Amino acid sequence: MAPATLQKVSLLDEIQDAFELSNVELGRLFGVSRQAIGEWRQRGVPGSRQDKAATVAAIADLLSHRLKPERIPGIGRRPATAYGGQSMLEMIEGDRHRELLELVRASFDWAATG
């Protein structure tokens, strides 16, 4: 397997592990079937979805460094006022992943609070 493919697979794994997602749920985040997720694991994330995968993995990474890992799946599924009544996973599914990343970053920006 080429190094680039390994990196793409690890992004899927990081997302799936952090939010404790099934292949069906992971596929839903990207608007594809669980079978497509299986293909991505073999061939790599398609170019059209690489930005989203990297952004969602960055969200998962940020959360894993700031929160207890076992809390992330519940937090990801819980609707929040800060997200317009949606959950993190619903925002990702709705292609609002970049907005979510900025909101999550801001929520941990202790210098901005005060």
PDB file of N, CA and C in Angstrom:
ATOM      1  N   MET A   1       0.836  -1.181   0.000  1.00  0.00           N
ATOM      2  CA  MET A   1       0.000   0.000   0.000  1.00  0.00           C
ATOM      3  C   MET A   1       0.880   1.243   0.000  1.00  0.00           C
ATOM      4  N   ALA A   2       0.551   2.212  -0.810  1.00  0.00           N
ATOM      5  CA  ALA A   2       1.327   3.436  -0.877  1.00  0.00           C
ATOM      6  C   ALA A   2       1.114   4.267   0.382  1.00  0.00           C
ATOM      7  N   PRO A   3       2.105   5.050   0.814  1.00  0.00           N
ATOM      8  CA  PRO A   3       1.959   5.875   2.015  1.00  0.00           C
ATOM      9  C   PRO A   3       0.753   6.802   1.975  1.00  0.00           C
ATOM     10  N   ALA A   4       0.441   7.373   0.815  1.00  0.00           N
ATOM     11  CA  ALA A   4      -0.718   8.274   0.730  1.00  0.00           C
ATOM     12  C   ALA A   4      -2.011   7.525   1.042  1.00  0.00           C
ATOM     13  N   THR A   5      -2.124   6.289   0.585  1.00  0.00           N
ATOM     14  CA  THR A   5      -3.313   5.489   0.857  1.00  0.00           C
ATOM     15  C   THR A   5      -3.401   5.175   2.343  1.00  0.00           C
ATOM     16  N   LEU A   6      -2.278   4.859   2.965  1.00  0.00           N
ATOM     17  CA  LEU A   6      -2.277   4.577   4.398  1.00  0.00           C
ATOM     18  C   LEU A   6      -2.784   5.789   5.179  1.00  0.00           C
ATOM     19  N   GLN A   7      -2.355   6.977   4.775  1.00  0.00           N
ATOM     20  CA  GLN A   7      -2.783   8.189   5.459  1.00  0.00           C
ATOM     21  C   GLN A   7      -4.292   8.383   5.312  1.00  0.00           C
ATOM     22  N   LYS A   8      -4.828   8.158   4.141  1.00  0.00           N
ATOM     23  CA  LYS A   8      -6.259   8.334   3.910  1.00  0.00           C
ATOM     24  C   LYS A   8      -7.071   7.342   4.724  1.00  0.00           C
ATOM     25  N   VAL A   9      -6.618   6.104   4.806  1.00  0.00           N
ATOM     26  CA  VAL A   9      -7.304   5.098   5.605  1.00  0.00           C
ATOM     27  C   VAL A   9      -7.261   5.507   7.063  1.00  0.00           C
ATOM     28  N   SER A  10      -6.141   6.023   7.526  1.00  0.00           N
ATOM     29  CA  SER A  10      -6.032   6.401   8.928  1.00  0.00           C
ATOM     30  C   SER A  10      -6.975   7.561   9.256  1.00  0.00           C
ATOM     31  N   LEU A  11      -7.254   8.421   8.301  1.00  0.00           N
ATOM     32  CA  LEU A  11      -8.236   9.493   8.541  1.00  0.00           C
ATOM     33  C   LEU A  11      -9.608   8.893   8.806  1.00  0.00           C
ATOM     34  N   LEU A  12     -10.000   7.923   8.000  1.00  0.00           N
ATOM     35  CA  LEU A  12     -11.291   7.259   8.216  1.00  0.00           C
ATOM     36  C   LEU A  12     -11.325   6.560   9.564  1.00  0.00           C
ATOM     37  N   ASP A  13     -10.228   5.889   9.895  1.00  0.00           N
ATOM     38  CA  ASP A  13     -10.158   5.198  11.179  1.00  0.00           C
ATOM     39  C   ASP A  13     -10.244   6.182  12.339  1.00  0.00           C
ATOM     40  N   GLU A  14      -9.538   7.287  12.221  1.00  0.00           N
ATOM     41  CA  GLU A  14      -9.551   8.287  13.286  1.00  0.00           C
ATOM     42  C   GLU A  14     -10.964   8.828  13.510  1.00  0.00           C
ATOM     43  N   ILE A  15     -11.653   9.127  12.439  1.00  0.00           N
ATOM     44  CA  ILE A  15     -13.028   9.633  12.532  1.00  0.00           C
ATOM     45  C   ILE A  15     -13.938   8.569  13.132  1.00  0.00           C
ATOM     46  N   GLN A  16     -13.846   7.368  12.588  1.00  0.00           N
ATOM     47  CA  GLN A  16     -14.709   6.273  13.031  1.00  0.00           C
ATOM     48  C   GLN A  16     -14.464   5.934  14.500  1.00  0.00           C
ATOM     49  N   ASP A  17     -13.217   5.879  14.900  1.00  0.00           N
ATOM     50  CA  ASP A  17     -12.884   5.543  16.286  1.00  0.00           C
ATOM     51  C   ASP A  17     -13.304   6.644  17.253  1.00  0.00           C
ATOM     52  N   ALA A  18     -13.031   7.885  16.906  1.00  0.00           N
ATOM     53  CA  ALA A  18     -13.333   8.992  17.817  1.00  0.00           C
ATOM     54  C   ALA A  18     -14.824   9.093  18.113  1.00  0.00           C
ATOM     55  N   PHE A  19     -15.647   8.980  17.077  1.00  0.00           N
ATOM     56  CA  PHE A  19     -17.088   9.147  17.248  1.00  0.00           C
ATOM     57  C   PHE A  19     -17.825   7.810  17.417  1.00  0.00           C
ATOM     58  N   GLU A  20     -17.061   6.707  17.436  1.00  0.00           N
ATOM     59  CA  GLU A  20     -17.628   5.358  17.549  1.00  0.00           C
ATOM     60  C   GLU A  20     -18.743   5.137  16.528  1.00  0.00           C
ATOM     61  N   LEU A  21     -18.373   5.254  15.262  1.00  0.00           N
ATOM     62  CA  LEU A  21     -19.319   5.142  14.156  1.00  0.00           C
ATOM     63  C   LEU A  21     -19.253   3.768  13.511  1.00  0.00           C
ATOM     64  N   SER A  22     -20.394   3.270  13.084  1.00  0.00           N
ATOM     65  CA  SER A  22     -20.425   2.083  12.238  1.00  0.00           C
ATOM     66  C   SER A  22     -20.034   2.521  10.827  1.00  0.00           C
ATOM     67  N   ASN A  23     -19.809   1.566   9.946  1.00  0.00           N
ATOM     68  CA  ASN A  23     -19.516   1.917   8.551  1.00  0.00           C
ATOM     69  C   ASN A  23     -20.695   2.633   7.906  1.00  0.00           C
ATOM     70  N   VAL A  24     -21.919   2.254   8.283  1.00  0.00           N
ATOM     71  CA  VAL A  24     -23.115   2.922   7.755  1.00  0.00           C
ATOM     72  C   VAL A  24     -23.125   4.387   8.198  1.00  0.00           C
ATOM     73  N   GLU A  25     -22.857   4.628   9.490  1.00  0.00           N
ATOM     74  CA  GLU A  25     -22.851   6.004  10.003  1.00  0.00           C
ATOM     75  C   GLU A  25     -21.720   6.821   9.386  1.00  0.00           C
ATOM     76  N   LEU A  26     -20.557   6.203   9.220  1.00  0.00           N
ATOM     77  CA  LEU A  26     -19.434   6.896   8.592  1.00  0.00           C
ATOM     78  C   LEU A  26     -19.784   7.259   7.155  1.00  0.00           C
ATOM     79  N   GLY A  27     -20.391   6.330   6.447  1.00  0.00           N
ATOM     80  CA  GLY A  27     -20.823   6.615   5.083  1.00  0.00           C
ATOM     81  C   GLY A  27     -21.830   7.749   5.025  1.00  0.00           C
ATOM     82  N   ARG A  28     -22.746   7.785   5.995  1.00  0.00           N
ATOM     83  CA  ARG A  28     -23.760   8.847   6.041  1.00  0.00           C
ATOM     84  C   ARG A  28     -23.102  10.230   6.168  1.00  0.00           C
ATOM     85  N   LEU A  29     -22.019  10.320   6.949  1.00  0.00           N
ATOM     86  CA  LEU A  29     -21.323  11.603   7.095  1.00  0.00           C
ATOM     87  C   LEU A  29     -20.831  12.126   5.751  1.00  0.00           C
ATOM     88  N   PHE A  30     -20.458  11.199   4.883  1.00  0.00           N
ATOM     89  CA  PHE A  30     -19.896  11.577   3.589  1.00  0.00           C
ATOM     90  C   PHE A  30     -20.891  11.429   2.441  1.00  0.00           C
ATOM     91  N   GLY A  31     -22.116  11.034   2.754  1.00  0.00           N
ATOM     92  CA  GLY A  31     -23.136  10.899   1.728  1.00  0.00           C
ATOM     93  C   GLY A  31     -22.919   9.713   0.807  1.00  0.00           C
ATOM     94  N   VAL A  32     -22.317   8.647   1.352  1.00  0.00           N
ATOM     95  CA  VAL A  32     -22.058   7.454   0.555  1.00  0.00           C
ATOM     96  C   VAL A  32     -22.518   6.221   1.332  1.00  0.00           C
ATOM     97  N   SER A  33     -22.521   5.080   0.661  1.00  0.00           N
ATOM     98  CA  SER A  33     -22.917   3.821   1.287  1.00  0.00           C
ATOM     99  C   SER A  33     -21.759   3.235   2.102  1.00  0.00           C
ATOM    100  N   ARG A  34     -22.097   2.252   2.921  1.00  0.00           N
ATOM    101  CA  ARG A  34     -21.042   1.562   3.679  1.00  0.00           C
ATOM    102  C   ARG A  34     -20.119   0.819   2.720  1.00  0.00           C
ATOM    103  N   GLN A  35     -20.669   0.380   1.568  1.00  0.00           N
ATOM    104  CA  GLN A  35     -19.838  -0.294   0.570  1.00  0.00           C
ATOM    105  C   GLN A  35     -18.788   0.673   0.014  1.00  0.00           C
ATOM    106  N   ALA A  36     -19.199   1.919  -0.193  1.00  0.00           N
ATOM    107  CA  ALA A  36     -18.248   2.925  -0.683  1.00  0.00           C
ATOM    108  C   ALA A  36     -17.138   3.149   0.339  1.00  0.00           C
ATOM    109  N   ILE A  37     -17.498   3.142   1.619  1.00  0.00           N
ATOM    110  CA  ILE A  37     -16.482   3.300   2.661  1.00  0.00           C
ATOM    111  C   ILE A  37     -15.471   2.155   2.572  1.00  0.00           C
ATOM    112  N   GLY A  38     -15.967   0.952   2.332  1.00  0.00           N
ATOM    113  CA  GLY A  38     -15.072  -0.198   2.154  1.00  0.00           C
ATOM    114  C   GLY A  38     -14.122   0.007   0.981  1.00  0.00           C
ATOM    115  N   GLU A  39     -14.640   0.558  -0.108  1.00  0.00           N
ATOM    116  CA  GLU A  39     -13.797   0.842  -1.274  1.00  0.00           C
ATOM    117  C   GLU A  39     -12.771   1.913  -0.955  1.00  0.00           C
ATOM    118  N   TRP A  40     -13.179   2.939  -0.198  1.00  0.00           N
ATOM    119  CA  TRP A  40     -12.243   4.000   0.191  1.00  0.00           C
ATOM    120  C   TRP A  40     -11.110   3.426   1.021  1.00  0.00           C
ATOM    121  N   ARG A  41     -11.430   2.454   1.860  1.00  0.00           N
ATOM    122  CA  ARG A  41     -10.387   1.841   2.692  1.00  0.00           C
ATOM    123  C   ARG A  41      -9.367   1.110   1.817  1.00  0.00           C
ATOM    124  N   GLN A  42      -9.812   0.577   0.693  1.00  0.00           N
ATOM    125  CA  GLN A  42      -8.908  -0.139  -0.208  1.00  0.00           C
ATOM    126  C   GLN A  42      -8.179   0.807  -1.151  1.00  0.00           C
ATOM    127  N   ARG A  43      -8.893   1.804  -1.670  1.00  0.00           N
ATOM    128  CA  ARG A  43      -8.344   2.656  -2.735  1.00  0.00           C
ATOM    129  C   ARG A  43      -7.957   4.048  -2.280  1.00  0.00           C
ATOM    130  N   GLY A  44      -8.419   4.434  -1.098  1.00  0.00           N
ATOM    131  CA  GLY A  44      -8.172   5.788  -0.618  1.00  0.00           C
ATOM    132  C   GLY A  44      -9.409   6.652  -0.790  1.00  0.00           C
ATOM    133  N   VAL A  45      -9.475   7.688  -0.004  1.00  0.00           N
ATOM    134  CA  VAL A  45     -10.592   8.634  -0.073  1.00  0.00           C
ATOM    135  C   VAL A  45     -10.496   9.381  -1.397  1.00  0.00           C
ATOM    136  N   PRO A  46     -11.604   9.460  -2.154  1.00  0.00           N
ATOM    137  CA  PRO A  46     -11.558  10.186  -3.434  1.00  0.00           C
ATOM    138  C   PRO A  46     -11.182  11.656  -3.218  1.00  0.00           C
ATOM    139  N   GLY A  47     -10.561  12.215  -4.225  1.00  0.00           N
ATOM    140  CA  GLY A  47     -10.124  13.608  -4.154  1.00  0.00           C
ATOM    141  C   GLY A  47     -11.226  14.570  -3.761  1.00  0.00           C
ATOM    142  N   SER A  48     -12.429  14.302  -4.234  1.00  0.00           N
ATOM    143  CA  SER A  48     -13.550  15.201  -3.949  1.00  0.00           C
ATOM    144  C   SER A  48     -13.973  15.167  -2.476  1.00  0.00           C
ATOM    145  N   ARG A  49     -13.510  14.178  -1.741  1.00  0.00           N
ATOM    146  CA  ARG A  49     -13.899  14.046  -0.325  1.00  0.00           C
ATOM    147  C   ARG A  49     -12.713  14.179   0.627  1.00  0.00           C
ATOM    148  N   GLN A  50     -11.517  14.387   0.088  1.00  0.00           N
ATOM    149  CA  GLN A  50     -10.330  14.455   0.942  1.00  0.00           C
ATOM    150  C   GLN A  50     -10.353  15.644   1.887  1.00  0.00           C
ATOM    151  N   ASP A  51     -10.806  16.794   1.424  1.00  0.00           N
ATOM    152  CA  ASP A  51     -10.856  17.978   2.277  1.00  0.00           C
ATOM    153  C   ASP A  51     -11.798  17.740   3.460  1.00  0.00           C
ATOM    154  N   LYS A  52     -12.955  17.167   3.173  1.00  0.00           N
ATOM    155  CA  LYS A  52     -13.919  16.900   4.236  1.00  0.00           C
ATOM    156  C   LYS A  52     -13.349  15.889   5.225  1.00  0.00           C
ATOM    157  N   ALA A  53     -12.731  14.831   4.723  1.00  0.00           N
ATOM    158  CA  ALA A  53     -12.156  13.816   5.606  1.00  0.00           C
ATOM    159  C   ALA A  53     -11.077  14.425   6.499  1.00  0.00           C
ATOM    160  N   ALA A  54     -10.228  15.261   5.930  1.00  0.00           N
ATOM    161  CA  ALA A  54      -9.162  15.894   6.721  1.00  0.00           C
ATOM    162  C   ALA A  54      -9.739  16.849   7.761  1.00  0.00           C
ATOM    163  N   THR A  55     -10.779  17.585   7.395  1.00  0.00           N
ATOM    164  CA  THR A  55     -11.406  18.527   8.328  1.00  0.00           C
ATOM    165  C   THR A  55     -12.081  17.788   9.476  1.00  0.00           C
ATOM    166  N   VAL A  56     -12.809  16.725   9.162  1.00  0.00           N
ATOM    167  CA  VAL A  56     -13.493  15.953  10.202  1.00  0.00           C
ATOM    168  C   VAL A  56     -12.458  15.259  11.094  1.00  0.00           C
ATOM    169  N   ALA A  57     -11.380  14.771  10.516  1.00  0.00           N
ATOM    170  CA  ALA A  57     -10.315  14.167  11.324  1.00  0.00           C
ATOM    171  C   ALA A  57      -9.678  15.214  12.235  1.00  0.00           C
ATOM    172  N   ALA A  58      -9.549  16.444  11.759  1.00  0.00           N
ATOM    173  CA  ALA A  58      -9.006  17.525  12.600  1.00  0.00           C
ATOM    174  C   ALA A  58      -9.930  17.811  13.775  1.00  0.00           C
ATOM    175  N   ILE A  59     -11.241  17.764  13.537  1.00  0.00           N
ATOM    176  CA  ILE A  59     -12.212  17.942  14.622  1.00  0.00           C
ATOM    177  C   ILE A  59     -12.045  16.823  15.642  1.00  0.00           C
ATOM    178  N   ALA A  60     -11.973  15.589  15.158  1.00  0.00           N
ATOM    179  CA  ALA A  60     -11.810  14.428  16.044  1.00  0.00           C
ATOM    180  C   ALA A  60     -10.513  14.542  16.845  1.00  0.00           C
ATOM    181  N   ASP A  61      -9.445  14.969  16.193  1.00  0.00           N
ATOM    182  CA  ASP A  61      -8.155  15.113  16.861  1.00  0.00           C
ATOM    183  C   ASP A  61      -8.214  16.184  17.947  1.00  0.00           C
ATOM    184  N   LEU A  62      -8.806  17.315  17.629  1.00  0.00           N
ATOM    185  CA  LEU A  62      -8.937  18.399  18.608  1.00  0.00           C
ATOM    186  C   LEU A  62      -9.745  17.935  19.820  1.00  0.00           C
ATOM    187  N   LEU A  63     -10.864  17.283  19.557  1.00  0.00           N
ATOM    188  CA  LEU A  63     -11.697  16.788  20.657  1.00  0.00           C
ATOM    189  C   LEU A  63     -10.943  15.755  21.490  1.00  0.00           C
ATOM    190  N   SER A  64     -10.188  14.884  20.841  1.00  0.00           N
ATOM    191  CA  SER A  64      -9.486  13.827  21.580  1.00  0.00           C
ATOM    192  C   SER A  64      -8.375  14.387  22.460  1.00  0.00           C
ATOM    193  N   HIS A  65      -7.837  15.560  22.096  1.00  0.00           N
ATOM    194  CA  HIS A  65      -6.809  16.186  22.923  1.00  0.00           C
ATOM    195  C   HIS A  65      -7.396  17.033  24.055  1.00  0.00           C
ATOM    196  N   ARG A  66      -8.654  17.399  23.949  1.00  0.00           N
ATOM    197  CA  ARG A  66      -9.273  18.281  24.941  1.00  0.00           C
ATOM    198  C   ARG A  66     -10.288  17.596  25.850  1.00  0.00           C
ATOM    199  N   LEU A  67     -10.786  16.439  25.426  1.00  0.00           N
ATOM    200  CA  LEU A  67     -11.838  15.749  26.173  1.00  0.00           C
ATOM    201  C   LEU A  67     -11.439  14.308  26.450  1.00  0.00           C
ATOM    202  N   LYS A  68     -12.105  13.686  27.393  1.00  0.00           N
ATOM    203  CA  LYS A  68     -11.914  12.259  27.610  1.00  0.00           C
ATOM    204  C   LYS A  68     -12.472  11.534  26.386  1.00  0.00           C
ATOM    205  N   PRO A  69     -11.686  10.657  25.793  1.00  0.00           N
ATOM    206  CA  PRO A  69     -12.118   9.990  24.555  1.00  0.00           C
ATOM    207  C   PRO A  69     -13.487   9.311  24.649  1.00  0.00           C
ATOM    208  N   GLU A  70     -13.807   8.744  25.782  1.00  0.00           N
ATOM    209  CA  GLU A  70     -15.094   8.055  25.918  1.00  0.00           C
ATOM    210  C   GLU A  70     -16.289   9.013  25.895  1.00  0.00           C
ATOM    211  N   ARG A  71     -16.048  10.313  26.043  1.00  0.00           N
ATOM    212  CA  ARG A  71     -17.134  11.291  26.010  1.00  0.00           C
ATOM    213  C   ARG A  71     -17.440  11.801  24.603  1.00  0.00           C
ATOM    214  N   ILE A  72     -16.505  11.648  23.702  1.00  0.00           N
ATOM    215  CA  ILE A  72     -16.648  12.220  22.358  1.00  0.00           C
ATOM    216  C   ILE A  72     -17.859  11.676  21.599  1.00  0.00           C
ATOM    217  N   PRO A  73     -18.113  10.369  21.580  1.00  0.00           N
ATOM    218  CA  PRO A  73     -19.276   9.880  20.827  1.00  0.00           C
ATOM    219  C   PRO A  73     -20.593  10.521  21.284  1.00  0.00           C
ATOM    220  N   GLY A  74     -20.794  10.649  22.575  1.00  0.00           N
ATOM    221  CA  GLY A  74     -22.022  11.266  23.076  1.00  0.00           C
ATOM    222  C   GLY A  74     -22.099  12.743  22.743  1.00  0.00           C
ATOM    223  N   ILE A  75     -20.979  13.435  22.869  1.00  0.00           N
ATOM    224  CA  ILE A  75     -20.935  14.864  22.548  1.00  0.00           C
ATOM    225  C   ILE A  75     -21.206  15.068  21.058  1.00  0.00           C
ATOM    226  N   GLY A  76     -20.664  14.192  20.233  1.00  0.00           N
ATOM    227  CA  GLY A  76     -20.862  14.294  18.789  1.00  0.00           C
ATOM    228  C   GLY A  76     -22.301  14.090  18.357  1.00  0.00           C
ATOM    229  N   ARG A  77     -23.052  13.345  19.155  1.00  0.00           N
ATOM    230  CA  ARG A  77     -24.444  13.024  18.815  1.00  0.00           C
ATOM    231  C   ARG A  77     -25.462  13.948  19.485  1.00  0.00           C
ATOM    232  N   ARG A  78     -25.023  14.744  20.436  1.00  0.00           N
ATOM    233  CA  ARG A  78     -25.952  15.581  21.200  1.00  0.00           C
ATOM    234  C   ARG A  78     -26.184  16.928  20.502  1.00  0.00           C
ATOM    235  N   PRO A  79     -27.442  17.268  20.229  1.00  0.00           N
ATOM    236  CA  PRO A  79     -27.725  18.589  19.660  1.00  0.00           C
ATOM    237  C   PRO A  79     -27.273  19.694  20.620  1.00  0.00           C
ATOM    238  N   ALA A  80     -26.781  20.780  20.073  1.00  0.00           N
ATOM    239  CA  ALA A  80     -26.289  21.882  20.892  1.00  0.00           C
ATOM    240  C   ALA A  80     -26.754  23.219  20.320  1.00  0.00           C
ATOM    241  N   THR A  81     -27.049  24.129  21.205  1.00  0.00           N
ATOM    242  CA  THR A  81     -27.461  25.480  20.811  1.00  0.00           C
ATOM    243  C   THR A  81     -26.382  26.136  19.953  1.00  0.00           C
ATOM    244  N   ALA A  82     -25.123  25.913  20.318  1.00  0.00           N
ATOM    245  CA  ALA A  82     -24.003  26.511  19.571  1.00  0.00           C
ATOM    246  C   ALA A  82     -23.974  26.060  18.116  1.00  0.00           C
ATOM    247  N   TYR A  83     -24.616  24.929  17.826  1.00  0.00           N
ATOM    248  CA  TYR A  83     -24.648  24.394  16.466  1.00  0.00           C
ATOM    249  C   TYR A  83     -26.034  24.526  15.850  1.00  0.00           C
ATOM    250  N   GLY A  84     -26.794  25.505  16.302  1.00  0.00           N
ATOM    251  CA  GLY A  84     -28.126  25.743  15.755  1.00  0.00           C
ATOM    252  C   GLY A  84     -29.099  24.620  16.040  1.00  0.00           C
ATOM    253  N   GLY A  85     -28.906  23.944  17.175  1.00  0.00           N
ATOM    254  CA  GLY A  85     -29.788  22.841  17.543  1.00  0.00           C
ATOM    255  C   GLY A  85     -29.432  21.514  16.898  1.00  0.00           C
ATOM    256  N   GLN A  86     -28.373  21.509  16.121  1.00  0.00           N
ATOM    257  CA  GLN A  86     -27.921  20.267  15.496  1.00  0.00           C
ATOM    258  C   GLN A  86     -26.807  19.643  16.326  1.00  0.00           C
ATOM    259  N   SER A  87     -26.531  18.383  16.050  1.00  0.00           N
ATOM    260  CA  SER A  87     -25.378  17.722  16.652  1.00  0.00           C
ATOM    261  C   SER A  87     -24.163  17.953  15.747  1.00  0.00           C
ATOM    262  N   MET A  88     -22.997  17.668  16.277  1.00  0.00           N
ATOM    263  CA  MET A  88     -21.784  17.745  15.449  1.00  0.00           C
ATOM    264  C   MET A  88     -21.912  16.844  14.226  1.00  0.00           C
ATOM    265  N   LEU A  89     -22.391  15.625  14.449  1.00  0.00           N
ATOM    266  CA  LEU A  89     -22.505  14.686  13.333  1.00  0.00           C
ATOM    267  C   LEU A  89     -23.499  15.180  12.287  1.00  0.00           C
ATOM    268  N   GLU A  90     -24.577  15.816  12.715  1.00  0.00           N
ATOM    269  CA  GLU A  90     -25.535  16.377  11.750  1.00  0.00           C
ATOM    270  C   GLU A  90     -24.910  17.519  10.963  1.00  0.00           C
ATOM    271  N   MET A  91     -24.086  18.329  11.628  1.00  0.00           N
ATOM    272  CA  MET A  91     -23.405  19.406  10.899  1.00  0.00           C
ATOM    273  C   MET A  91     -22.459  18.831   9.851  1.00  0.00           C
ATOM    274  N   ILE A  92     -21.729  17.790  10.235  1.00  0.00           N
ATOM    275  CA  ILE A  92     -20.799  17.162   9.287  1.00  0.00           C
ATOM    276  C   ILE A  92     -21.572  16.571   8.118  1.00  0.00           C
ATOM    277  N   GLU A  93     -22.636  15.874   8.427  1.00  0.00           N
ATOM    278  CA  GLU A  93     -23.463  15.272   7.378  1.00  0.00           C
ATOM    279  C   GLU A  93     -24.006  16.335   6.425  1.00  0.00           C
ATOM    280  N   GLY A  94     -24.327  17.506   6.966  1.00  0.00           N
ATOM    281  CA  GLY A  94     -24.851  18.608   6.161  1.00  0.00           C
ATOM    282  C   GLY A  94     -23.778  19.457   5.504  1.00  0.00           C
ATOM    283  N   ASP A  95     -22.565  18.946   5.431  1.00  0.00           N
ATOM    284  CA  ASP A  95     -21.430  19.634   4.808  1.00  0.00           C
ATOM    285  C   ASP A  95     -21.101  20.968   5.476  1.00  0.00           C
ATOM    286  N   ARG A  96     -21.305  21.032   6.782  1.00  0.00           N
ATOM    287  CA  ARG A  96     -20.941  22.229   7.552  1.00  0.00           C
ATOM    288  C   ARG A  96     -19.712  21.932   8.422  1.00  0.00           C
ATOM    289  N   HIS A  97     -18.862  21.030   7.942  1.00  0.00           N
ATOM    290  CA  HIS A  97     -17.698  20.585   8.686  1.00  0.00           C
ATOM    291  C   HIS A  97     -16.678  21.698   8.943  1.00  0.00           C
ATOM    292  N   ARG A  98     -16.467  22.587   7.984  1.00  0.00           N
ATOM    293  CA  ARG A  98     -15.512  23.689   8.188  1.00  0.00           C
ATOM    294  C   ARG A  98     -16.024  24.647   9.258  1.00  0.00           C
ATOM    295  N   GLU A  99     -17.301  24.954   9.190  1.00  0.00           N
ATOM    296  CA  GLU A  99     -17.924  25.809  10.208  1.00  0.00           C
ATOM    297  C   GLU A  99     -17.800  25.148  11.582  1.00  0.00           C
ATOM    298  N   LEU A 100     -18.044  23.849  11.646  1.00  0.00           N
ATOM    299  CA  LEU A 100     -17.950  23.122  12.906  1.00  0.00           C
ATOM    300  C   LEU A 100     -16.529  23.172  13.452  1.00  0.00           C
ATOM    301  N   LEU A 101     -15.542  22.979  12.607  1.00  0.00           N
ATOM    302  CA  LEU A 101     -14.151  23.035  13.060  1.00  0.00           C
ATOM    303  C   LEU A 101     -13.858  24.387  13.699  1.00  0.00           C
ATOM    304  N   GLU A 102     -14.303  25.457  13.069  1.00  0.00           N
ATOM    305  CA  GLU A 102     -14.075  26.795  13.633  1.00  0.00           C
ATOM    306  C   GLU A 102     -14.797  26.966  14.969  1.00  0.00           C
ATOM    307  N   LEU A 103     -16.019  26.457  15.077  1.00  0.00           N
ATOM    308  CA  LEU A 103     -16.758  26.541  16.335  1.00  0.00           C
ATOM    309  C   LEU A 103     -16.077  25.741  17.442  1.00  0.00           C
ATOM    310  N   VAL A 104     -15.589  24.572  17.110  1.00  0.00           N
ATOM    311  CA  VAL A 104     -14.901  23.741  18.103  1.00  0.00           C
ATOM    312  C   VAL A 104     -13.599  24.413  18.520  1.00  0.00           C
ATOM    313  N   ARG A 105     -12.856  24.932  17.561  1.00  0.00           N
ATOM    314  CA  ARG A 105     -11.613  25.651  17.904  1.00  0.00           C
ATOM    315  C   ARG A 105     -11.914  26.825  18.834  1.00  0.00           C
ATOM    316  N   ALA A 106     -12.942  27.593  18.493  1.00  0.00           N
ATOM    317  CA  ALA A 106     -13.299  28.765  19.315  1.00  0.00           C
ATOM    318  C   ALA A 106     -13.725  28.352  20.719  1.00  0.00           C
ATOM    319  N   SER A 107     -14.384  27.207  20.844  1.00  0.00           N
ATOM    320  CA  SER A 107     -14.850  26.770  22.161  1.00  0.00           C
ATOM    321  C   SER A 107     -13.687  26.411  23.080  1.00  0.00           C
ATOM    322  N   PHE A 108     -12.536  26.087  22.501  1.00  0.00           N
ATOM    323  CA  PHE A 108     -11.356  25.762  23.309  1.00  0.00           C
ATOM    324  C   PHE A 108     -10.325  26.884  23.323  1.00  0.00           C
ATOM    325  N   ASP A 109     -10.680  28.035  22.779  1.00  0.00           N
ATOM    326  CA  ASP A 109      -9.764  29.171  22.744  1.00  0.00           C
ATOM    327  C   ASP A 109      -9.906  29.961  24.043  1.00  0.00           C
ATOM    328  N   TRP A 110      -9.114  29.563  25.024  1.00  0.00           N
ATOM    329  CA  TRP A 110      -9.237  30.173  26.356  1.00  0.00           C
ATOM    330  C   TRP A 110      -8.856  31.642  26.319  1.00  0.00           C
ATOM    331  N   ALA A 111      -7.994  32.058  25.408  1.00  0.00           N
ATOM    332  CA  ALA A 111      -7.582  33.457  25.317  1.00  0.00           C
ATOM    333  C   ALA A 111      -8.735  34.340  24.864  1.00  0.00           C
ATOM    334  N   ALA A 112      -9.664  33.772  24.119  1.00  0.00           N
ATOM    335  CA  ALA A 112     -10.786  34.564  23.588  1.00  0.00           C
ATOM    336  C   ALA A 112     -11.901  34.749  24.622  1.00  0.00           C
ATOM    337  N   THR A 113     -11.883  33.927  25.667  1.00  0.00           N
ATOM    338  CA  THR A 113     -12.912  34.057  26.694  1.00  0.00           C
ATOM    339  C   THR A 113     -12.477  35.079  27.712  1.00  0.00           C
ATOM    340  N   GLY A 114     -13.422  35.678  28.307  1.00  0.00           N
ATOM    341  CA  GLY A 114     -12.982  36.624  29.319  1.00  0.00           C
ATOM    342  C   GLY A 114     -13.956  37.588  29.652  1.00  0.00           C
TER     343      GLY A 114
END
